[in-house]
Protein backbone atom coordinates (compact mmCIF):
# COMPACT_ATOMS: atom_id res chain seq x y z
CA MET A 1 -25.61 -0.21 9.59
CA ILE A 2 -24.89 -3.77 10.74
CA ASP A 3 -22.98 -4.34 13.98
CA GLY A 4 -22.08 -0.65 13.91
CA LEU A 5 -20.33 -0.94 10.52
CA THR A 6 -20.88 1.45 7.63
CA PRO A 7 -21.68 0.08 4.14
CA GLU A 8 -18.07 0.80 3.13
CA GLN A 9 -16.74 -1.16 6.11
CA LEU A 10 -19.10 -4.03 5.34
CA ALA A 11 -17.75 -4.10 1.79
CA ILE A 12 -14.18 -4.29 3.14
CA ALA A 13 -15.17 -7.09 5.51
CA GLN A 14 -16.69 -9.04 2.62
CA ALA A 15 -13.56 -8.54 0.50
CA CYS A 16 -11.48 -9.86 3.40
CA GLY A 17 -13.69 -12.91 3.85
CA LEU A 18 -14.63 -11.76 7.37
CA THR A 19 -17.97 -11.72 9.15
CA PRO A 20 -19.19 -8.34 10.44
CA GLU A 21 -18.41 -9.53 13.97
CA GLN A 22 -14.83 -10.45 13.03
CA PHE A 23 -14.30 -7.14 11.26
CA SER A 24 -15.74 -5.20 14.21
CA ALA A 25 -13.28 -7.02 16.47
CA ALA A 26 -10.42 -6.10 14.13
CA LEU A 27 -11.49 -2.45 14.21
CA ALA A 28 -11.67 -2.52 18.00
CA ASP A 29 -8.15 -3.94 18.12
CA GLU A 30 -6.99 -1.21 15.74
CA LYS A 31 -8.39 1.46 18.06
CA ARG A 32 -6.54 -0.07 21.00
CA GLN A 33 -3.33 0.24 19.00
CA SER A 34 -4.07 3.76 17.71
CA ALA A 35 -1.43 5.39 19.88
CA LEU A 36 1.18 3.00 18.55
CA ALA A 37 0.00 3.39 14.97
CA ALA A 38 0.25 7.17 15.26
CA SER A 39 3.97 6.82 15.87
CA MET A 40 4.42 4.76 12.70
CA PRO A 41 3.65 6.99 9.67
CA GLN A 42 3.87 5.52 6.17
CA PRO A 43 7.34 6.10 4.75
CA THR A 44 7.61 8.27 1.67
CA MET A 45 9.03 6.89 -1.57
CA ALA A 46 12.04 9.17 -1.10
CA GLU A 47 12.73 7.55 2.26
CA ILE A 48 12.47 4.10 0.71
CA PHE A 49 14.81 5.01 -2.14
CA ALA A 50 17.28 6.60 0.27
CA LYS A 51 17.55 3.29 2.11
CA CYS A 52 18.15 0.76 -0.63
CA GLY A 53 19.39 -1.92 1.72
CA ILE A 54 16.97 -4.75 2.48
CA PRO A 55 15.33 -4.61 4.94
CA LEU A 56 14.65 -0.88 4.84
CA GLN A 57 13.98 0.46 8.32
CA SER A 58 13.01 3.77 9.87
CA ALA A 59 13.55 4.96 13.42
CA ASP A 60 9.88 5.68 14.08
CA GLY A 61 8.67 2.19 14.88
CA ALA A 62 8.05 1.00 11.32
CA GLY A 63 10.16 -0.94 8.90
CA VAL A 64 10.00 -1.75 5.23
CA ALA A 65 11.11 -5.05 3.75
CA ALA A 66 11.10 -6.71 0.37
CA LEU A 67 9.84 -10.24 0.96
CA SER A 68 10.09 -12.69 -1.92
CA CYS A 69 7.54 -15.45 -2.36
CA GLU A 70 6.24 -17.64 -5.13
CA ILE A 71 3.61 -16.15 -7.43
CA ALA A 72 0.15 -17.66 -7.08
CA ALA A 73 -2.17 -17.00 -10.01
CA LEU A 74 -5.42 -18.47 -8.71
CA SER A 75 -7.64 -16.73 -11.24
CA ALA A 76 -7.24 -14.76 -14.42
CA GLN A 77 -9.29 -12.86 -16.93
CA ALA A 78 -9.67 -14.20 -20.43
CA ASP A 79 -6.59 -12.32 -21.61
CA GLY A 80 -4.53 -13.59 -18.66
CA ALA A 81 -3.47 -10.06 -17.74
CA THR A 82 -5.13 -9.94 -14.32
CA VAL A 83 -4.16 -12.52 -11.72
CA LEU A 84 -4.23 -13.07 -7.98
CA ILE A 85 -0.71 -13.23 -6.59
CA GLN A 86 -0.01 -14.54 -3.12
CA ALA A 87 1.88 -11.92 -1.12
CA THR A 88 2.00 -13.53 2.33
CA PRO A 89 0.90 -16.76 4.01
CA ALA A 90 -2.15 -16.78 6.29
CA GLN A 91 -0.08 -16.84 9.48
CA ASP A 92 3.02 -15.31 11.02
CA PHE A 93 6.10 -15.88 8.89
CA VAL A 94 9.88 -15.52 8.98
CA LEU A 95 12.32 -15.04 6.14
CA SER A 96 14.20 -18.04 4.82
CA ASP A 97 17.30 -15.99 3.98
CA GLY A 98 18.02 -15.26 7.65
CA ARG A 99 17.65 -11.51 7.21
CA ASP A 100 17.21 -9.71 10.54
CA LEU A 101 14.10 -7.52 10.52
CA GLY A 102 14.42 -6.71 14.21
CA ILE A 103 11.32 -8.75 15.08
CA PRO A 104 10.73 -12.46 15.79
CA ALA A 105 8.33 -12.78 12.84
CA CYS A 106 6.07 -10.78 10.57
CA ARG A 107 2.51 -11.03 11.86
CA MET A 108 -0.32 -11.84 9.46
CA ASN A 109 -3.85 -13.03 10.11
CA ALA A 110 -7.39 -12.10 9.03
CA GLY A 111 -7.55 -9.12 11.37
CA VAL A 112 -4.18 -7.77 10.26
CA ALA A 113 -5.15 -8.29 6.62
CA ALA A 114 -8.36 -6.35 7.12
CA LYS A 115 -6.37 -3.30 8.21
CA VAL A 116 -3.86 -3.68 5.36
CA ILE A 117 -6.70 -3.88 2.83
CA SER A 118 -8.39 -0.86 4.41
CA ALA A 119 -5.16 1.15 4.04
CA PHE A 120 -4.86 0.34 0.32
CA ASN A 121 -5.67 3.22 -2.05
CA ALA A 122 -7.17 1.75 -5.22
CA ALA A 123 -6.96 5.13 -6.95
CA GLN A 124 -3.16 4.80 -7.07
CA PRO A 125 -2.10 1.34 -8.35
CA LEU A 126 1.20 0.08 -6.91
CA VAL A 127 4.01 -0.86 -9.27
CA ILE A 128 5.37 -4.36 -9.79
CA ASP A 129 8.83 -4.21 -11.34
CA TYR A 130 11.74 -6.58 -11.95
CA GLU A 131 14.19 -7.36 -9.11
CA HIS A 132 13.11 -4.25 -7.14
CA GLN A 133 14.83 -2.00 -9.66
CA THR A 134 12.52 0.88 -8.68
CA LEU A 135 14.32 0.94 -5.32
CA HIS A 136 17.74 1.06 -6.94
CA THR A 137 17.31 3.23 -10.04
CA GLN A 138 18.54 6.40 -8.34
CA THR A 139 21.80 4.71 -7.36
CA ASN A 140 22.54 2.50 -10.39
CA GLY A 141 20.99 4.71 -13.08
CA LYS A 142 19.17 1.82 -14.75
CA ASP A 143 15.59 1.97 -15.97
CA ALA A 144 12.82 0.42 -13.87
CA PRO A 145 10.18 -0.85 -16.30
CA ALA A 146 6.92 -2.05 -14.85
CA ALA A 147 6.08 -5.75 -14.91
CA GLY A 148 2.56 -4.94 -13.75
CA TRP A 149 0.37 -3.00 -11.36
CA ILE A 150 -1.37 -3.86 -8.10
CA HIS A 151 -5.02 -2.76 -8.25
CA GLY A 152 -6.28 -4.31 -5.03
CA LEU A 153 -5.72 -6.68 -2.12
CA LYS A 154 -7.71 -9.74 -1.09
CA TRP A 155 -7.64 -12.05 1.94
CA ILE A 156 -8.27 -15.74 1.28
CA GLU A 157 -8.88 -17.64 4.50
CA GLY A 158 -6.37 -20.43 4.98
CA LYS A 159 -4.19 -19.13 2.14
CA GLY A 160 -3.10 -15.59 2.95
CA LEU A 161 -3.00 -12.05 1.59
CA TYR A 162 -3.14 -11.69 -2.18
CA VAL A 163 -2.60 -8.81 -4.57
CA VAL A 164 -4.91 -8.32 -7.54
CA ALA A 165 -2.30 -7.69 -10.21
CA GLU A 166 -2.40 -6.63 -13.83
CA LEU A 167 0.71 -8.10 -15.47
CA THR A 168 2.22 -6.77 -18.68
CA LYS A 169 2.44 -8.91 -21.81
CA ARG A 170 6.22 -9.12 -21.41
CA ALA A 171 5.97 -10.20 -17.77
CA ARG A 172 3.47 -12.92 -18.59
CA GLN A 173 5.74 -14.26 -21.34
CA LEU A 174 8.77 -14.28 -19.04
CA ILE A 175 6.76 -16.26 -16.49
CA ARG A 176 5.56 -18.71 -19.15
CA ASP A 177 9.15 -19.18 -20.32
CA GLY A 178 10.27 -19.96 -16.78
CA GLU A 179 12.50 -16.88 -16.54
CA TYR A 180 10.56 -15.59 -13.53
CA ARG A 181 8.66 -17.65 -10.96
CA TYR A 182 8.52 -15.62 -7.74
CA PHE A 183 6.87 -12.48 -6.39
CA SER A 184 8.44 -10.20 -3.79
CA PRO A 185 6.18 -7.70 -1.99
CA VAL A 186 7.65 -4.62 -0.36
CA ILE A 187 5.80 -4.18 2.92
CA GLN A 188 5.72 -1.76 5.81
CA TYR A 189 5.64 -3.54 9.16
CA SER A 190 5.66 -2.63 12.84
CA LYS A 191 9.05 -3.09 14.46
CA HIS A 192 7.21 -3.33 17.81
CA THR A 193 4.59 -5.99 17.03
CA GLY A 194 5.71 -7.40 13.67
CA GLU A 195 2.28 -6.66 12.16
CA VAL A 196 2.24 -6.09 8.43
CA LEU A 197 0.91 -2.54 7.99
CA ARG A 198 0.91 -1.84 4.26
CA VAL A 199 1.89 -3.25 0.89
CA LEU A 200 3.97 -0.59 -0.89
CA MET A 201 4.98 -2.27 -4.18
CA GLY A 202 6.24 -5.59 -5.51
CA ALA A 203 8.67 -7.25 -7.90
CA LEU A 204 9.24 -10.34 -9.99
CA THR A 205 12.34 -12.11 -8.75
CA ASN A 206 14.04 -15.51 -8.62
CA ASN A 207 15.32 -15.28 -5.05
CA PRO A 208 12.40 -16.05 -2.72
CA ALA A 209 12.59 -15.19 0.97
CA ILE A 210 9.23 -16.75 1.88
CA HIS A 211 8.93 -20.45 1.18
CA GLY A 212 5.74 -22.45 0.68
CA MET A 213 3.78 -20.09 -1.55
CA ASP A 214 1.79 -21.42 -4.52
CA GLY A 215 3.38 -21.75 -7.96
CA VAL A 216 2.47 -19.44 -10.82
CA LYS A 217 0.18 -20.20 -13.76
CA VAL A 218 -0.58 -17.64 -16.45
CA GLN A 219 -2.51 -17.99 -19.65
């Protein structure tokens, strides 16, 4: 063990781009907020679907919001299917559409990202769809085809939180043709502190709510 961290925690710290000392500090901060976190359970998909308005909020101290931002494909495999997509900037951010989330800003930094990455379950990839149709299919009866799948999360210092996404052939072609340019993550956040807690899913969209993200490039 190094600095009291297990090998698994050291691997998470490395994936986040954090030193063991920085990750230990983030864990200490998480423990200090454990009582608050306990009052903010992850919403079920049924709860998300039942509240199709954006933002989606619960009464237990957590909220869910779909936050649009430009897609950032910083790397790709030879087939172009797997890309890094920027989900948030590297600092606190507000929404350009004026939507009221009940907080001054969504909080994001390396420590927050470390906890979000730790909460991600790689055994269950998260869906990327088109225009958040997964959230609306039960009310409008339309299909919700996948545009891709989120297989992991990565923090890039100075850039922000990224999703490691596998995009479908159709999605990549739509992006190449200029029919889609933006990515919209659905996040859970604390209505008390504004901290981003989890990434729940994402969508391709053309109505960004976060400005300043990197433009998309796919092979």
